[in-house]
C-alpha atoms as a PDB file:
ATOM      1  CA  UNK A   1       0.270  -0.014   0.118  1.00  0.00           C
ATOM      2  CA  UNK A   2       1.044   3.493  -0.532  1.00  0.00           C
ATOM      3  CA  UNK A   3      -0.167   6.591   1.467  1.00  0.00           C
ATOM      4  CA  UNK A   4      -1.373   9.686  -0.276  1.00  0.00           C
ATOM      5  CA  UNK A   5      -3.140  13.098   0.899  1.00  0.00           C
ATOM      6  CA  UNK A   6      -6.341  14.216   0.030  1.00  0.00           C
ATOM      7  CA  UNK A   7      -5.980  18.280  -1.115  1.00  0.00           C
ATOM      8  CA  UNK A   8      -8.231  18.742   1.951  1.00  0.00           C
ATOM      9  CA  UNK A   9      -5.573  17.022   4.173  1.00  0.00           C
ATOM     10  CA  UNK A  10      -6.923  13.533   4.860  1.00  0.00           C
ATOM     11  CA  UNK A  11      -4.278  10.850   4.035  1.00  0.00           C
ATOM     12  CA  UNK A  12      -5.320   7.515   3.180  1.00  0.00           C
ATOM     13  CA  UNK A  13      -3.918   4.528   1.159  1.00  0.00           C
ATOM     14  CA  UNK A  14      -4.023   3.012  -2.187  1.00  0.00           C
ATOM     15  CA  UNK A  15      -2.876  -0.221  -3.428  1.00  0.00           C
ATOM     16  CA  UNK A  16      -0.541   0.123  -6.013  1.00  0.00           C
ATOM     17  CA  UNK A  17      -1.577  -2.615  -7.801  1.00  0.00           C
ATOM     18  CA  UNK A  18      -5.047  -1.293  -9.169  1.00  0.00           C
ATOM     19  CA  UNK A  19      -3.244   2.188  -9.964  1.00  0.00           C
ATOM     20  CA  UNK A  20      -3.969   2.879 -13.728  1.00  0.00           C
ATOM     21  CA  UNK A  21      -2.126   6.216 -14.432  1.00  0.00           C
ATOM     22  CA  UNK A  22      -1.011   9.021 -12.542  1.00  0.00           C
ATOM     23  CA  UNK A  23      -1.496  12.692 -14.293  1.00  0.00           C
ATOM     24  CA  UNK A  24      -0.636  16.095 -13.807  1.00  0.00           C
ATOM     25  CA  UNK A  25      -3.563  18.092 -14.293  1.00  0.00           C
ATOM     26  CA  UNK A  26      -2.354  20.702 -12.791  1.00  0.00           C
ATOM     27  CA  UNK A  27      -2.981  18.479  -9.609  1.00  0.00           C
ATOM     28  CA  UNK A  28      -2.062  15.089  -9.225  1.00  0.00           C
ATOM     29  CA  UNK A  29      -5.122  12.721  -9.876  1.00  0.00           C
ATOM     30  CA  UNK A  30      -4.584   8.903  -9.498  1.00  0.00           C
ATOM     31  CA  UNK A  31      -7.096   7.065 -11.534  1.00  0.00           C
ATOM     32  CA  UNK A  32      -7.609   3.449 -10.557  1.00  0.00           C
ATOM     33  CA  UNK A  33      -8.234   0.388 -12.936  1.00  0.00           C
ATOM     34  CA  UNK A  34     -12.545   1.079 -11.410  1.00  0.00           C
ATOM     35  CA  UNK A  35     -12.211   4.400 -12.841  1.00  0.00           C
ATOM     36  CA  UNK A  36     -12.122   5.860  -9.581  1.00  0.00           C
ATOM     37  CA  UNK A  37     -10.035   9.228  -9.347  1.00  0.00           C
ATOM     38  CA  UNK A  38      -8.507  10.975  -6.624  1.00  0.00           C
ATOM     39  CA  UNK A  39      -6.929  14.253  -6.454  1.00  0.00           C
ATOM     40  CA  UNK A  40      -3.863  14.080  -3.987  1.00  0.00           C
ATOM     41  CA  UNK A  41      -1.299  16.290  -2.846  1.00  0.00           C
ATOM     42  CA  UNK A  42       1.790  14.309  -3.846  1.00  0.00           C
ATOM     43  CA  UNK A  43       3.412  15.612  -6.959  1.00  0.00           C
ATOM     44  CA  UNK A  44       3.553  12.495 -10.176  1.00  0.00           C
ATOM     45  CA  UNK A  45       7.143  11.720  -8.975  1.00  0.00           C
ATOM     46  CA  UNK A  46       6.329  11.517  -5.493  1.00  0.00           C
ATOM     47  CA  UNK A  47       3.322   8.623  -6.072  1.00  0.00           C
ATOM     48  CA  UNK A  48       5.560   7.240  -8.626  1.00  0.00           C
ATOM     49  CA  UNK A  49       8.548   6.676  -5.821  1.00  0.00           C
ATOM     50  CA  UNK A  50       6.398   5.423  -3.175  1.00  0.00           C
ATOM     51  CA  UNK A  51       5.050   2.677  -5.800  1.00  0.00           C
ATOM     52  CA  UNK A  52       8.437   1.985  -6.669  1.00  0.00           C
ATOM     53  CA  UNK A  53       9.435   1.563  -2.722  1.00  0.00           C
ATOM     54  CA  UNK A  54       6.414  -0.530  -1.910  1.00  0.00           C
ATOM     55  CA  UNK A  55       6.883  -3.016  -5.131  1.00  0.00           C
ATOM     56  CA  UNK A  56      10.749  -3.052  -4.042  1.00  0.00           C
ATOM     57  CA  UNK A  57       9.742  -3.781  -0.101  1.00  0.00           C
ATOM     58  CA  UNK A  58       7.791  -7.021  -1.746  1.00  0.00           C
ATOM     59  CA  UNK A  59       9.982  -8.407  -3.843  1.00  0.00           C
ATOM     60  CA  UNK A  60      12.512  -7.940  -0.957  1.00  0.00           C
ATOM     61  CA  UNK A  61      10.389  -9.478   1.213  1.00  0.00           C
ATOM     62  CA  UNK A  62       9.721 -12.591  -0.753  1.00  0.00           C
ATOM     63  CA  UNK A  63      13.539 -12.594  -1.388  1.00  0.00           C
ATOM     64  CA  UNK A  64      13.883 -12.753   2.540  1.00  0.00           C
ATOM     65  CA  UNK A  65      11.567 -15.822   3.073  1.00  0.00           C
ATOM     66  CA  UNK A  66      12.330 -17.639  -0.055  1.00  0.00           C
ATOM     67  CA  UNK A  67      16.260 -17.952   1.809  1.00  0.00           C
ATOM     68  CA  UNK A  68      15.056 -18.945   4.840  1.00  0.00           C
ATOM     69  CA  UNK A  69      13.089 -21.329   3.605  1.00  0.00           C
ATOM     70  CA  UNK A  70      16.297 -22.766   1.693  1.00  0.00           C
ATOM     71  CA  UNK A  71      17.982 -22.744   4.650  1.00  0.00           C
ATOM     72  CA  UNK A  72      15.105 -24.144   7.038  1.00  0.00           C
ATOM     73  CA  UNK A  73      14.807 -21.036   9.131  1.00  0.00           C
ATOM     74  CA  UNK A  74      11.400 -19.659   7.962  1.00  0.00           C
ATOM     75  CA  UNK A  75      10.031 -17.517  10.757  1.00  0.00           C
ATOM     76  CA  UNK A  76       6.445 -17.552   9.010  1.00  0.00           C
ATOM     77  CA  UNK A  77       3.718 -20.489  10.094  1.00  0.00           C
ATOM     78  CA  UNK A  78       0.661 -21.885   9.294  1.00  0.00           C
ATOM     79  CA  UNK A  79      -1.855 -21.407  12.148  1.00  0.00           C
ATOM     80  CA  UNK A  80      -4.423 -23.396  11.583  1.00  0.00           C
ATOM     81  CA  UNK A  81      -8.157 -22.023  12.257  1.00  0.00           C
ATOM     82  CA  UNK A  82     -10.141 -23.590  15.244  1.00  0.00           C
ATOM     83  CA  UNK A  83     -12.815 -26.028  14.442  1.00  0.00           C
ATOM     84  CA  UNK A  84     -16.601 -24.439  13.716  1.00  0.00           C
ATOM     85  CA  UNK A  85     -19.306 -26.116  15.976  1.00  0.00           C
END
């Protein structure tokens, strides 16, 4: 997720995988794949940098987990849910 700020100052999170485009018109408009549009304070460059950072962190986490699994030192585990009554 990335965090952006509405023009009125309210911050909210967006899933970067759902962003179709980011345009400077002159305010920055983020358009999602479903057609929803958000006008945000951040510049196009700032939004792109946040998307890049978000995707890089997912790749890095995946790489670390893969390394842990290959060495047998995984820190994640599956916790089964409680059986239904």
